[in-house]
């Protein structure tokens, strides 16, 4: 009888341990639950796509009138001015390194006027207009590690200067498209915004009238621009 009681008690003690052992084994072999996470939105900087640009800068251009017979300057003035800039463009990056794009910019500032004594009792009047539209091709090299691009831009830039005198009120105009070359650096911030700094050199527009040659708007322009990019 004692053996039966002892056996029953031993069985009672071992049963919970067996159950715990089984539970432990099952738990050890359970596969971890898979928790699905929402995909993170990609925010890798990008320099391609359509964009609108807004910026400020300065233009350091020169206007001259030369005497064709002597080659001397009759008039020479710097038209240094603060400018604002707006623009639209499109660009594409190839093989994560090479960029090509087309853009149109408009530099705008106030008109600038001068009065020049002709030496014969009359006065000449000159006016440099303050709108400088341009269209350019940008070619760049992208450094993905820094989300940055260096580029060269070749543009055609339009400008206008007018001149007249007291004894001849009919205006003579120099309104032509001249080539310009620019170097710049641009950095992307997220998927939408880029910031850039560029400097360009504009070649002169010129016009010959009788014995004088008018030369307009040759010199440098510096711009700091922020662009907002749109991709479809």
C-alpha atoms as a PDB file:
ATOM      1  CA  UNK A   1       0.000   0.000   0.000  1.00  0.00           C
ATOM      2  CA  UNK A   2       2.856   2.370   0.839  1.00  0.00           C
ATOM      3  CA  UNK A   3       4.433   1.624  -2.520  1.00  0.00           C
ATOM      4  CA  UNK A   4       1.209   2.562  -4.303  1.00  0.00           C
ATOM      5  CA  UNK A   5       0.922   5.819  -2.374  1.00  0.00           C
ATOM      6  CA  UNK A   6       4.577   6.655  -3.027  1.00  0.00           C
ATOM      7  CA  UNK A   7       4.188   5.893  -6.725  1.00  0.00           C
ATOM      8  CA  UNK A   8       1.071   8.057  -6.958  1.00  0.00           C
ATOM      9  CA  UNK A   9       2.800  10.960  -5.185  1.00  0.00           C
ATOM     10  CA  UNK A  10       5.853  10.660  -7.422  1.00  0.00           C
ATOM     11  CA  UNK A  11       3.671  10.641 -10.496  1.00  0.00           C
ATOM     12  CA  UNK A  12       1.885  13.749  -9.222  1.00  0.00           C
ATOM     13  CA  UNK A  13       5.190  15.564  -8.752  1.00  0.00           C
ATOM     14  CA  UNK A  14       6.543  14.583 -12.145  1.00  0.00           C
ATOM     15  CA  UNK A  15       3.420  15.520 -14.119  1.00  0.00           C
ATOM     16  CA  UNK A  16       3.800  19.325 -13.840  1.00  0.00           C
ATOM     17  CA  UNK A  17       7.485  19.009 -14.708  1.00  0.00           C
ATOM     18  CA  UNK A  18       6.617  16.996 -17.768  1.00  0.00           C
ATOM     19  CA  UNK A  19       4.046  19.522 -18.793  1.00  0.00           C
ATOM     20  CA  UNK A  20       6.532  22.331 -18.280  1.00  0.00           C
ATOM     21  CA  UNK A  21       9.149  20.455 -20.285  1.00  0.00           C
ATOM     22  CA  UNK A  22       6.714  19.960 -23.122  1.00  0.00           C
ATOM     23  CA  UNK A  23       5.737  23.581 -23.013  1.00  0.00           C
ATOM     24  CA  UNK A  24       9.373  24.617 -23.048  1.00  0.00           C
ATOM     25  CA  UNK A  25      10.137  22.462 -26.081  1.00  0.00           C
ATOM     26  CA  UNK A  26       7.170  23.801 -27.984  1.00  0.00           C
ATOM     27  CA  UNK A  27       8.098  27.353 -27.088  1.00  0.00           C
ATOM     28  CA  UNK A  28      11.689  26.792 -28.175  1.00  0.00           C
ATOM     29  CA  UNK A  29      10.548  25.642 -31.601  1.00  0.00           C
ATOM     30  CA  UNK A  30       8.013  28.369 -32.223  1.00  0.00           C
ATOM     31  CA  UNK A  31       8.867  30.622 -35.169  1.00  0.00           C
ATOM     32  CA  UNK A  32       9.164  34.311 -34.282  1.00  0.00           C
ATOM     33  CA  UNK A  33       6.218  36.414 -35.312  1.00  0.00           C
ATOM     34  CA  UNK A  34       6.803  38.511 -38.438  1.00  0.00           C
ATOM     35  CA  UNK A  35       5.916  42.134 -37.881  1.00  0.00           C
ATOM     36  CA  UNK A  36       5.192  43.973 -41.094  1.00  0.00           C
ATOM     37  CA  UNK A  37       6.539  47.518 -41.238  1.00  0.00           C
ATOM     38  CA  UNK A  38       5.303  50.228 -43.483  1.00  0.00           C
ATOM     39  CA  UNK A  39       7.858  50.981 -46.204  1.00  0.00           C
ATOM     40  CA  UNK A  40       9.798  54.148 -45.536  1.00  0.00           C
ATOM     41  CA  UNK A  41       9.383  56.937 -48.030  1.00  0.00           C
ATOM     42  CA  UNK A  42      12.442  57.314 -50.182  1.00  0.00           C
ATOM     43  CA  UNK A  43      14.132  60.632 -49.685  1.00  0.00           C
ATOM     44  CA  UNK A  44      17.350  60.166 -51.653  1.00  0.00           C
ATOM     45  CA  UNK A  45      18.419  63.528 -53.075  1.00  0.00           C
ATOM     46  CA  UNK A  46      17.948  63.899 -56.805  1.00  0.00           C
ATOM     47  CA  UNK A  47      19.080  66.549 -59.276  1.00  0.00           C
ATOM     48  CA  UNK A  48      16.830  65.578 -62.190  1.00  0.00           C
ATOM     49  CA  UNK A  49      13.341  66.664 -63.256  1.00  0.00           C
ATOM     50  CA  UNK A  50      11.433  69.864 -63.935  1.00  0.00           C
ATOM     51  CA  UNK A  51      12.199  72.787 -61.662  1.00  0.00           C
ATOM     52  CA  UNK A  52      11.363  76.403 -60.883  1.00  0.00           C
ATOM     53  CA  UNK A  53      14.162  78.622 -59.573  1.00  0.00           C
ATOM     54  CA  UNK A  54      14.305  81.828 -57.553  1.00  0.00           C
ATOM     55  CA  UNK A  55      17.409  83.758 -56.610  1.00  0.00           C
ATOM     56  CA  UNK A  56      19.379  86.943 -56.040  1.00  0.00           C
ATOM     57  CA  UNK A  57      22.762  88.194 -57.171  1.00  0.00           C
ATOM     58  CA  UNK A  58      24.756  90.995 -58.681  1.00  0.00           C
ATOM     59  CA  UNK A  59      25.656  92.062 -62.222  1.00  0.00           C
ATOM     60  CA  UNK A  60      28.948  93.785 -62.967  1.00  0.00           C
ATOM     61  CA  UNK A  61      28.600  94.826 -66.601  1.00  0.00           C
ATOM     62  CA  UNK A  62      30.144  97.610 -68.677  1.00  0.00           C
ATOM     63  CA  UNK A  63      28.674  99.874 -71.369  1.00  0.00           C
ATOM     64  CA  UNK A  64      30.950 101.789 -73.756  1.00  0.00           C
ATOM     65  CA  UNK A  65      30.902 104.064 -76.778  1.00  0.00           C
ATOM     66  CA  UNK A  66      34.037 104.017 -78.928  1.00  0.00           C
ATOM     67  CA  UNK A  67      35.127 106.488 -81.595  1.00  0.00           C
ATOM     68  CA  UNK A  68      35.807 104.348 -84.660  1.00  0.00           C
ATOM     69  CA  UNK A  69      38.280 106.833 -86.112  1.00  0.00           C
ATOM     70  CA  UNK A  70      40.508 107.107 -83.063  1.00  0.00           C
ATOM     71  CA  UNK A  71      39.655 103.899 -81.188  1.00  0.00           C
ATOM     72  CA  UNK A  72      39.255 105.897 -77.984  1.00  0.00           C
ATOM     73  CA  UNK A  73      36.410 105.585 -75.550  1.00  0.00           C
ATOM     74  CA  UNK A  74      33.932 108.421 -75.771  1.00  0.00           C
ATOM     75  CA  UNK A  75      32.003 106.909 -72.867  1.00  0.00           C
ATOM     76  CA  UNK A  76      32.640 104.035 -70.465  1.00  0.00           C
ATOM     77  CA  UNK A  77      30.583 103.159 -67.394  1.00  0.00           C
ATOM     78  CA  UNK A  78      30.092 100.124 -65.163  1.00  0.00           C
ATOM     79  CA  UNK A  79      26.449  99.166 -64.632  1.00  0.00           C
ATOM     80  CA  UNK A  80      26.905  97.405 -61.288  1.00  0.00           C
ATOM     81  CA  UNK A  81      23.481  96.441 -59.958  1.00  0.00           C
ATOM     82  CA  UNK A  82      21.714  94.135 -57.524  1.00  0.00           C
ATOM     83  CA  UNK A  83      19.532  91.626 -59.425  1.00  0.00           C
ATOM     84  CA  UNK A  84      16.707  89.206 -58.809  1.00  0.00           C
ATOM     85  CA  UNK A  85      16.379  86.010 -60.842  1.00  0.00           C
ATOM     86  CA  UNK A  86      13.522  83.673 -61.760  1.00  0.00           C
ATOM     87  CA  UNK A  87      13.794  80.602 -63.962  1.00  0.00           C
ATOM     88  CA  UNK A  88      12.367  77.361 -65.289  1.00  0.00           C
ATOM     89  CA  UNK A  89      14.198  74.289 -66.482  1.00  0.00           C
ATOM     90  CA  UNK A  90      14.474  70.547 -66.947  1.00  0.00           C
ATOM     91  CA  UNK A  91      17.386  68.191 -66.424  1.00  0.00           C
ATOM     92  CA  UNK A  92      18.211  64.499 -66.333  1.00  0.00           C
ATOM     93  CA  UNK A  93      20.995  62.486 -64.701  1.00  0.00           C
ATOM     94  CA  UNK A  94      22.495  59.586 -66.661  1.00  0.00           C
ATOM     95  CA  UNK A  95      24.349  56.683 -65.018  1.00  0.00           C
ATOM     96  CA  UNK A  96      24.188  58.547 -61.685  1.00  0.00           C
ATOM     97  CA  UNK A  97      27.028  60.792 -62.848  1.00  0.00           C
ATOM     98  CA  UNK A  98      26.282  62.859 -65.930  1.00  0.00           C
ATOM     99  CA  UNK A  99      23.717  65.644 -66.098  1.00  0.00           C
ATOM    100  CA  UNK A 100      22.240  67.464 -69.086  1.00  0.00           C
ATOM    101  CA  UNK A 101      19.561  70.121 -68.842  1.00  0.00           C
ATOM    102  CA  UNK A 102      17.983  73.143 -70.463  1.00  0.00           C
ATOM    103  CA  UNK A 103      16.880  76.250 -68.566  1.00  0.00           C
ATOM    104  CA  UNK A 104      15.506  79.744 -69.114  1.00  0.00           C
ATOM    105  CA  UNK A 105      16.422  82.514 -66.661  1.00  0.00           C
ATOM    106  CA  UNK A 106      15.323  86.115 -66.308  1.00  0.00           C
ATOM    107  CA  UNK A 107      17.582  88.522 -64.417  1.00  0.00           C
ATOM    108  CA  UNK A 108      15.751  91.717 -63.513  1.00  0.00           C
ATOM    109  CA  UNK A 109      16.871  94.998 -61.998  1.00  0.00           C
ATOM    110  CA  UNK A 110      16.219  98.722 -62.363  1.00  0.00           C
ATOM    111  CA  UNK A 111      17.144 100.676 -65.498  1.00  0.00           C
ATOM    112  CA  UNK A 112      20.274 102.790 -65.267  1.00  0.00           C
ATOM    113  CA  UNK A 113      20.724 106.173 -67.005  1.00  0.00           C
ATOM    114  CA  UNK A 114      23.635 108.497 -67.707  1.00  0.00           C
ATOM    115  CA  UNK A 115      24.008 111.973 -69.196  1.00  0.00           C
ATOM    116  CA  UNK A 116      27.171 112.637 -71.191  1.00  0.00           C
ATOM    117  CA  UNK A 117      28.463 116.024 -72.319  1.00  0.00           C
ATOM    118  CA  UNK A 118      29.128 115.889 -76.058  1.00  0.00           C
ATOM    119  CA  UNK A 119      31.540 118.849 -75.846  1.00  0.00           C
ATOM    120  CA  UNK A 120      29.521 120.957 -78.279  1.00  0.00           C
ATOM    121  CA  UNK A 121      26.918 122.261 -75.898  1.00  0.00           C
ATOM    122  CA  UNK A 122      24.651 119.238 -76.256  1.00  0.00           C
ATOM    123  CA  UNK A 123      24.117 116.275 -73.979  1.00  0.00           C
ATOM    124  CA  UNK A 124      23.891 112.597 -74.864  1.00  0.00           C
ATOM    125  CA  UNK A 125      21.633 110.319 -72.857  1.00  0.00           C
ATOM    126  CA  UNK A 126      22.205 106.606 -72.356  1.00  0.00           C
ATOM    127  CA  UNK A 127      19.937 104.060 -70.699  1.00  0.00           C
ATOM    128  CA  UNK A 128      20.731 100.457 -69.819  1.00  0.00           C
ATOM    129  CA  UNK A 129      17.564  98.374 -69.570  1.00  0.00           C
ATOM    130  CA  UNK A 130      17.107  96.121 -66.554  1.00  0.00           C
ATOM    131  CA  UNK A 131      15.772  92.895 -68.093  1.00  0.00           C
ATOM    132  CA  UNK A 132      18.210  90.161 -69.116  1.00  0.00           C
ATOM    133  CA  UNK A 133      16.481  86.965 -70.347  1.00  0.00           C
ATOM    134  CA  UNK A 134      18.638  83.987 -71.287  1.00  0.00           C
ATOM    135  CA  UNK A 135      18.326  80.375 -72.422  1.00  0.00           C
ATOM    136  CA  UNK A 136      21.124  77.955 -71.656  1.00  0.00           C
ATOM    137  CA  UNK A 137      22.313  74.347 -71.860  1.00  0.00           C
ATOM    138  CA  UNK A 138      23.756  72.885 -68.645  1.00  0.00           C
ATOM    139  CA  UNK A 139      26.251  70.023 -68.651  1.00  0.00           C
ATOM    140  CA  UNK A 140      27.210  68.651 -65.257  1.00  0.00           C
ATOM    141  CA  UNK A 141      29.113  65.987 -63.355  1.00  0.00           C
ATOM    142  CA  UNK A 142      27.358  64.555 -60.279  1.00  0.00           C
ATOM    143  CA  UNK A 143      29.137  63.391 -57.113  1.00  0.00           C
ATOM    144  CA  UNK A 144      26.520  61.063 -55.505  1.00  0.00           C
ATOM    145  CA  UNK A 145      28.361  60.783 -52.201  1.00  0.00           C
ATOM    146  CA  UNK A 146      27.790  64.494 -51.546  1.00  0.00           C
ATOM    147  CA  UNK A 147      24.545  64.888 -53.557  1.00  0.00           C
ATOM    148  CA  UNK A 148      26.367  67.645 -55.429  1.00  0.00           C
ATOM    149  CA  UNK A 149      26.939  68.613 -59.049  1.00  0.00           C
ATOM    150  CA  UNK A 150      29.439  70.895 -60.752  1.00  0.00           C
ATOM    151  CA  UNK A 151      28.368  72.205 -64.146  1.00  0.00           C
ATOM    152  CA  UNK A 152      29.144  74.327 -67.172  1.00  0.00           C
ATOM    153  CA  UNK A 153      26.396  76.372 -68.830  1.00  0.00           C
ATOM    154  CA  UNK A 154      26.415  77.855 -72.322  1.00  0.00           C
ATOM    155  CA  UNK A 155      23.715  80.482 -72.896  1.00  0.00           C
ATOM    156  CA  UNK A 156      22.384  83.115 -75.223  1.00  0.00           C
ATOM    157  CA  UNK A 157      21.609  86.285 -73.236  1.00  0.00           C
ATOM    158  CA  UNK A 158      19.526  89.214 -74.492  1.00  0.00           C
ATOM    159  CA  UNK A 159      20.077  92.812 -73.389  1.00  0.00           C
ATOM    160  CA  UNK A 160      19.171  96.294 -74.527  1.00  0.00           C
ATOM    161  CA  UNK A 161      20.765  99.741 -74.310  1.00  0.00           C
ATOM    162  CA  UNK A 162      19.430 102.969 -75.808  1.00  0.00           C
ATOM    163  CA  UNK A 163      21.122 106.264 -76.634  1.00  0.00           C
ATOM    164  CA  UNK A 164      19.963 109.667 -77.868  1.00  0.00           C
ATOM    165  CA  UNK A 165      21.066 113.302 -77.697  1.00  0.00           C
ATOM    166  CA  UNK A 166      19.478 116.732 -77.287  1.00  0.00           C
ATOM    167  CA  UNK A 167      19.976 117.617 -80.943  1.00  0.00           C
ATOM    168  CA  UNK A 168      18.886 114.191 -82.205  1.00  0.00           C
ATOM    169  CA  UNK A 169      16.070 112.712 -80.090  1.00  0.00           C
ATOM    170  CA  UNK A 170      15.788 109.588 -82.253  1.00  0.00           C
ATOM    171  CA  UNK A 171      16.965 106.662 -80.141  1.00  0.00           C
ATOM    172  CA  UNK A 172      19.716 104.326 -81.221  1.00  0.00           C
ATOM    173  CA  UNK A 173      19.333 100.856 -79.730  1.00  0.00           C
ATOM    174  CA  UNK A 174      21.700  98.015 -79.021  1.00  0.00           C
ATOM    175  CA  UNK A 175      19.357  95.068 -78.539  1.00  0.00           C
ATOM    176  CA  UNK A 176      21.045  91.783 -79.287  1.00  0.00           C
ATOM    177  CA  UNK A 177      21.615  88.272 -78.033  1.00  0.00           C
ATOM    178  CA  UNK A 178      25.171  87.670 -76.867  1.00  0.00           C
ATOM    179  CA  UNK A 179      26.828  84.420 -75.723  1.00  0.00           C
ATOM    180  CA  UNK A 180      27.651  83.800 -72.068  1.00  0.00           C
ATOM    181  CA  UNK A 181      29.510  81.056 -70.208  1.00  0.00           C
ATOM    182  CA  UNK A 182      28.830  80.041 -66.606  1.00  0.00           C
ATOM    183  CA  UNK A 183      30.369  77.727 -64.010  1.00  0.00           C
ATOM    184  CA  UNK A 184      28.389  76.598 -61.001  1.00  0.00           C
ATOM    185  CA  UNK A 185      27.891  74.125 -58.182  1.00  0.00           C
ATOM    186  CA  UNK A 186      24.518  72.717 -57.079  1.00  0.00           C
ATOM    187  CA  UNK A 187      23.545  70.590 -54.069  1.00  0.00           C
ATOM    188  CA  UNK A 188      20.332  68.594 -53.564  1.00  0.00           C
ATOM    189  CA  UNK A 189      18.417  68.612 -50.261  1.00  0.00           C
ATOM    190  CA  UNK A 190      15.790  65.847 -50.236  1.00  0.00           C
ATOM    191  CA  UNK A 191      13.689  65.056 -53.280  1.00  0.00           C
ATOM    192  CA  UNK A 192      12.417  68.566 -53.932  1.00  0.00           C
ATOM    193  CA  UNK A 193      14.939  71.303 -53.215  1.00  0.00           C
ATOM    194  CA  UNK A 194      18.367  72.221 -54.527  1.00  0.00           C
ATOM    195  CA  UNK A 195      20.609  75.214 -53.867  1.00  0.00           C
ATOM    196  CA  UNK A 196      23.277  76.505 -56.196  1.00  0.00           C
ATOM    197  CA  UNK A 197      25.831  79.222 -56.779  1.00  0.00           C
ATOM    198  CA  UNK A 198      27.014  80.223 -60.236  1.00  0.00           C
ATOM    199  CA  UNK A 199      29.015  82.920 -61.958  1.00  0.00           C
ATOM    200  CA  UNK A 200      28.854  83.723 -65.667  1.00  0.00           C
ATOM    201  CA  UNK A 201      30.710  85.923 -68.117  1.00  0.00           C
ATOM    202  CA  UNK A 202      28.635  87.711 -70.735  1.00  0.00           C
ATOM    203  CA  UNK A 203      30.256  88.798 -73.966  1.00  0.00           C
ATOM    204  CA  UNK A 204      29.410  92.255 -75.291  1.00  0.00           C
ATOM    205  CA  UNK A 205      26.571  93.198 -77.591  1.00  0.00           C
ATOM    206  CA  UNK A 206      27.684  95.827 -80.098  1.00  0.00           C
ATOM    207  CA  UNK A 207      26.322  98.017 -82.823  1.00  0.00           C
ATOM    208  CA  UNK A 208      28.056 100.405 -85.221  1.00  0.00           C
ATOM    209  CA  UNK A 209      26.471 103.766 -86.072  1.00  0.00           C
ATOM    210  CA  UNK A 210      28.352 106.129 -88.389  1.00  0.00           C
ATOM    211  CA  UNK A 211      31.629 106.913 -86.585  1.00  0.00           C
ATOM    212  CA  UNK A 212      30.876 105.296 -83.241  1.00  0.00           C
ATOM    213  CA  UNK A 213      30.547 101.789 -81.923  1.00  0.00           C
ATOM    214  CA  UNK A 214      28.194 101.041 -79.033  1.00  0.00           C
ATOM    215  CA  UNK A 215      29.234  98.164 -76.757  1.00  0.00           C
ATOM    216  CA  UNK A 216      26.741  97.006 -74.159  1.00  0.00           C
ATOM    217  CA  UNK A 217      26.727  94.755 -71.090  1.00  0.00           C
ATOM    218  CA  UNK A 218      30.025  92.924 -71.148  1.00  0.00           C
ATOM    219  CA  UNK A 219      31.110  91.458 -67.815  1.00  0.00           C
ATOM    220  CA  UNK A 220      30.251  89.148 -64.927  1.00  0.00           C
ATOM    221  CA  UNK A 221      27.034  88.119 -63.168  1.00  0.00           C
ATOM    222  CA  UNK A 222      26.889  86.133 -59.914  1.00  0.00           C
ATOM    223  CA  UNK A 223      23.714  84.316 -58.770  1.00  0.00           C
ATOM    224  CA  UNK A 224      22.588  82.315 -55.732  1.00  0.00           C
ATOM    225  CA  UNK A 225      19.526  80.196 -56.565  1.00  0.00           C
ATOM    226  CA  UNK A 226      17.087  77.843 -54.853  1.00  0.00           C
ATOM    227  CA  UNK A 227      15.101  75.409 -57.002  1.00  0.00           C
ATOM    228  CA  UNK A 228      11.940  73.427 -56.358  1.00  0.00           C
ATOM    229  CA  UNK A 229      11.845  70.196 -58.352  1.00  0.00           C
ATOM    230  CA  UNK A 230       8.742  68.468 -59.720  1.00  0.00           C
ATOM    231  CA  UNK A 231       8.807  64.850 -60.932  1.00  0.00           C
ATOM    232  CA  UNK A 232       5.971  62.944 -62.632  1.00  0.00           C
END
